[in-house]
Each structure stands twice: as C-alpha cells, then as structure tokens.
N, C-alpha and C. Protein backbone atom coordinates (compact mmCIF):
# COMPACT_ATOMS: atom_id res chain seq x y z
N UNK A 1 -7.74 -108.80 23.65
CA UNK A 1 -6.87 -108.58 24.80
C UNK A 1 -7.54 -107.59 25.75
N UNK A 2 -7.37 -107.83 27.03
CA UNK A 2 -7.97 -107.00 28.07
C UNK A 2 -7.19 -105.69 28.20
N UNK A 3 -7.93 -104.58 28.38
CA UNK A 3 -7.28 -103.27 28.56
C UNK A 3 -7.60 -102.74 29.95
N UNK A 4 -6.91 -101.68 30.32
CA UNK A 4 -7.12 -101.04 31.62
C UNK A 4 -8.57 -100.61 31.80
N UNK A 5 -9.24 -100.29 30.70
CA UNK A 5 -10.65 -99.89 30.76
C UNK A 5 -11.55 -101.00 31.27
N UNK A 6 -11.14 -102.27 31.02
CA UNK A 6 -11.96 -103.42 31.41
C UNK A 6 -11.76 -103.86 32.87
N UNK A 7 -10.73 -103.32 33.54
CA UNK A 7 -10.43 -103.72 34.91
C UNK A 7 -11.45 -103.09 35.85
N UNK A 8 -12.00 -103.90 36.75
CA UNK A 8 -13.03 -103.43 37.70
C UNK A 8 -12.40 -102.68 38.88
N UNK A 9 -13.22 -101.85 39.52
CA UNK A 9 -12.78 -101.09 40.70
C UNK A 9 -12.34 -102.08 41.80
N UNK A 10 -11.21 -101.78 42.40
CA UNK A 10 -10.68 -102.64 43.47
C UNK A 10 -9.75 -103.74 42.98
N UNK A 11 -9.59 -103.85 41.68
CA UNK A 11 -8.71 -104.88 41.12
C UNK A 11 -7.36 -104.29 40.74
N UNK A 12 -6.35 -105.14 40.74
CA UNK A 12 -5.01 -104.75 40.31
C UNK A 12 -4.67 -105.51 39.04
N UNK A 13 -4.05 -104.83 38.08
CA UNK A 13 -3.67 -105.47 36.84
C UNK A 13 -2.23 -105.12 36.53
N UNK A 14 -1.59 -106.01 35.74
CA UNK A 14 -0.21 -105.79 35.35
C UNK A 14 -0.18 -105.36 33.89
N UNK A 15 0.54 -104.27 33.61
CA UNK A 15 0.63 -103.76 32.24
C UNK A 15 1.50 -104.71 31.40
N UNK A 16 0.98 -105.14 30.25
CA UNK A 16 1.75 -106.03 29.39
C UNK A 16 2.21 -105.31 28.12
N UNK A 17 1.46 -104.30 27.68
CA UNK A 17 1.82 -103.63 26.43
C UNK A 17 1.12 -102.28 26.35
N UNK A 18 1.80 -101.31 25.73
CA UNK A 18 1.21 -100.01 25.46
C UNK A 18 0.95 -99.90 23.97
N UNK A 19 -0.29 -99.74 23.60
CA UNK A 19 -0.63 -99.51 22.20
C UNK A 19 -0.72 -98.00 22.01
N UNK A 20 -0.65 -97.54 20.80
CA UNK A 20 -0.72 -96.10 20.59
C UNK A 20 0.49 -95.59 19.89
N UNK A 21 0.41 -94.35 19.44
CA UNK A 21 1.47 -93.76 18.65
C UNK A 21 2.17 -92.60 19.35
N UNK A 22 3.44 -92.43 19.02
CA UNK A 22 4.25 -91.29 19.41
C UNK A 22 3.92 -90.56 20.68
N UNK A 23 3.43 -89.31 20.56
CA UNK A 23 3.24 -88.45 21.74
C UNK A 23 2.27 -89.03 22.77
N UNK A 24 1.24 -89.72 22.33
CA UNK A 24 0.27 -90.28 23.29
C UNK A 24 0.92 -91.38 24.11
N UNK A 25 1.63 -92.28 23.44
CA UNK A 25 2.33 -93.36 24.13
C UNK A 25 3.38 -92.78 25.07
N UNK A 26 4.09 -91.77 24.62
CA UNK A 26 5.13 -91.10 25.42
C UNK A 26 4.52 -90.52 26.69
N UNK A 27 3.33 -89.88 26.56
CA UNK A 27 2.68 -89.27 27.72
C UNK A 27 2.27 -90.31 28.74
N UNK A 28 1.75 -91.42 28.26
CA UNK A 28 1.34 -92.51 29.16
C UNK A 28 2.58 -93.03 29.90
N UNK A 29 3.68 -93.20 29.19
CA UNK A 29 4.91 -93.67 29.83
C UNK A 29 5.46 -92.65 30.80
N UNK A 30 5.34 -91.37 30.49
CA UNK A 30 5.81 -90.31 31.39
C UNK A 30 5.02 -90.30 32.69
N UNK A 31 3.76 -90.80 32.65
CA UNK A 31 2.93 -90.85 33.86
C UNK A 31 3.33 -92.03 34.74
N UNK A 32 4.27 -92.85 34.27
CA UNK A 32 4.74 -93.98 35.07
C UNK A 32 4.10 -95.30 34.70
N UNK A 33 3.26 -95.29 33.69
CA UNK A 33 2.60 -96.52 33.25
C UNK A 33 3.48 -97.15 32.18
N UNK A 34 4.27 -98.13 32.58
CA UNK A 34 5.17 -98.82 31.64
C UNK A 34 4.96 -100.32 31.76
N UNK A 35 5.51 -101.06 30.83
CA UNK A 35 5.36 -102.51 30.80
C UNK A 35 5.86 -103.13 32.11
N UNK A 36 5.05 -104.01 32.68
CA UNK A 36 5.44 -104.73 33.89
C UNK A 36 5.00 -104.10 35.20
N UNK A 37 4.49 -102.86 35.15
CA UNK A 37 4.10 -102.17 36.37
C UNK A 37 2.68 -102.60 36.77
N UNK A 38 2.40 -102.62 38.08
CA UNK A 38 1.06 -102.95 38.57
C UNK A 38 0.23 -101.69 38.69
N UNK A 39 -1.02 -101.79 38.25
CA UNK A 39 -1.95 -100.66 38.30
C UNK A 39 -3.17 -101.08 39.08
N UNK A 40 -3.49 -100.32 40.13
CA UNK A 40 -4.66 -100.61 40.98
C UNK A 40 -5.77 -99.62 40.60
N UNK A 41 -6.94 -100.11 40.24
CA UNK A 41 -8.06 -99.25 39.87
C UNK A 41 -8.82 -98.84 41.13
N UNK A 42 -8.76 -97.55 41.46
CA UNK A 42 -9.38 -97.02 42.69
C UNK A 42 -10.83 -96.67 42.48
N UNK A 43 -11.11 -95.98 41.38
CA UNK A 43 -12.43 -95.44 41.19
C UNK A 43 -12.68 -95.17 39.70
N UNK A 44 -13.93 -95.29 39.29
CA UNK A 44 -14.30 -94.94 37.93
C UNK A 44 -15.42 -93.92 38.03
N UNK A 45 -15.28 -92.82 37.31
CA UNK A 45 -16.29 -91.75 37.34
C UNK A 45 -17.63 -92.31 36.85
N UNK A 46 -18.74 -91.66 37.25
CA UNK A 46 -20.09 -92.16 36.91
C UNK A 46 -20.29 -92.49 35.43
N UNK A 47 -19.72 -91.70 34.53
CA UNK A 47 -19.91 -91.98 33.12
C UNK A 47 -18.74 -92.78 32.54
N UNK A 48 -17.87 -93.28 33.43
CA UNK A 48 -16.76 -94.12 32.99
C UNK A 48 -15.51 -93.38 32.56
N UNK A 49 -15.53 -92.05 32.68
CA UNK A 49 -14.39 -91.25 32.23
C UNK A 49 -14.17 -90.10 33.22
N UNK A 50 -13.06 -89.94 33.90
CA UNK A 50 -11.84 -90.75 33.79
C UNK A 50 -11.83 -91.92 34.78
N UNK A 51 -10.78 -92.70 34.68
CA UNK A 51 -10.55 -93.83 35.59
C UNK A 51 -9.44 -93.41 36.55
N UNK A 52 -9.69 -93.56 37.86
CA UNK A 52 -8.66 -93.20 38.85
C UNK A 52 -7.89 -94.44 39.21
N UNK A 53 -6.56 -94.36 39.07
CA UNK A 53 -5.71 -95.52 39.37
C UNK A 53 -4.58 -95.13 40.30
N UNK A 54 -3.97 -96.13 40.93
CA UNK A 54 -2.76 -95.93 41.72
C UNK A 54 -1.65 -96.67 41.01
N UNK A 55 -0.59 -95.93 40.67
CA UNK A 55 0.58 -96.48 39.97
C UNK A 55 1.82 -96.02 40.69
N UNK A 56 2.72 -96.94 40.99
CA UNK A 56 4.00 -96.59 41.63
C UNK A 56 3.81 -95.72 42.88
N UNK A 57 2.74 -95.96 43.61
CA UNK A 57 2.52 -95.25 44.88
C UNK A 57 1.86 -93.89 44.77
N UNK A 58 1.47 -93.47 43.56
CA UNK A 58 0.76 -92.20 43.48
C UNK A 58 -0.54 -92.38 42.70
N UNK A 59 -1.47 -91.44 42.92
CA UNK A 59 -2.77 -91.52 42.31
C UNK A 59 -2.80 -90.76 40.99
N UNK A 60 -3.55 -91.28 40.04
CA UNK A 60 -3.53 -90.76 38.70
C UNK A 60 -4.90 -90.92 38.09
N UNK A 61 -5.33 -89.95 37.30
CA UNK A 61 -6.58 -90.07 36.54
C UNK A 61 -6.21 -90.28 35.07
N UNK A 62 -6.82 -91.29 34.47
CA UNK A 62 -6.51 -91.64 33.09
C UNK A 62 -7.82 -91.55 32.29
N UNK A 63 -7.77 -90.90 31.16
CA UNK A 63 -8.94 -90.83 30.28
C UNK A 63 -9.27 -92.21 29.75
N UNK A 64 -10.55 -92.42 29.50
CA UNK A 64 -11.01 -93.72 28.99
C UNK A 64 -10.30 -94.06 27.66
N UNK A 65 -10.11 -93.08 26.80
CA UNK A 65 -9.45 -93.30 25.51
C UNK A 65 -7.99 -93.77 25.72
N UNK A 66 -7.33 -93.20 26.73
CA UNK A 66 -5.96 -93.62 27.04
C UNK A 66 -5.94 -95.01 27.69
N UNK A 67 -6.94 -95.28 28.56
CA UNK A 67 -7.01 -96.56 29.24
C UNK A 67 -7.17 -97.70 28.24
N UNK A 68 -7.85 -97.42 27.12
CA UNK A 68 -8.06 -98.45 26.10
C UNK A 68 -6.74 -98.81 25.39
N UNK A 69 -5.74 -97.96 25.51
CA UNK A 69 -4.44 -98.23 24.86
C UNK A 69 -3.50 -99.05 25.73
N UNK A 70 -3.90 -99.28 26.97
CA UNK A 70 -3.03 -99.97 27.92
C UNK A 70 -3.52 -101.42 28.08
N UNK A 71 -2.76 -102.34 27.48
CA UNK A 71 -3.10 -103.77 27.58
C UNK A 71 -2.61 -104.32 28.91
N UNK A 72 -3.51 -105.06 29.61
CA UNK A 72 -3.16 -105.59 30.94
C UNK A 72 -3.50 -107.07 31.02
N UNK A 73 -2.99 -107.71 32.08
CA UNK A 73 -3.38 -109.10 32.38
C UNK A 73 -3.73 -109.21 33.85
C-alpha cells in the first residue's frame, strides 16, 4: 500500500488509513490528518526528512517515520 512518504512533490493524495499505535496515531490525528482528508505535498527536505504538506488549509511538517504510517491513494 502506498504511504504519504511515497507521494511526490506537487501531488495530492487522499488519506485512506492511519497505521500506528496509541499516542503516535493520536498525534497524527490531532494535526488534522484523518481518514478521507486530502494532503498536498509541498516540499521534501534534501535528505527526505521532514516532508512539508498542506492539510486543511495549513502547512505542516511531518517526519518521514510518521509519513510511513499514513496510507494514501
């Protein structure tokens, strides 16, 4: 399954599932990344960490480890 980490710069993806446990999953959801929301990938840092995205009209930086937990289509 494709994750947010696999989405290229300039592409938009729809969140289908959040993998992960307890506090980590809760933190991702608190940032506004929930099932069904569209995520636009703005920029990826030179070493791939973090990934800058736009979610619900605001900009957010997500660690690569967290991006791997977000399944998208």
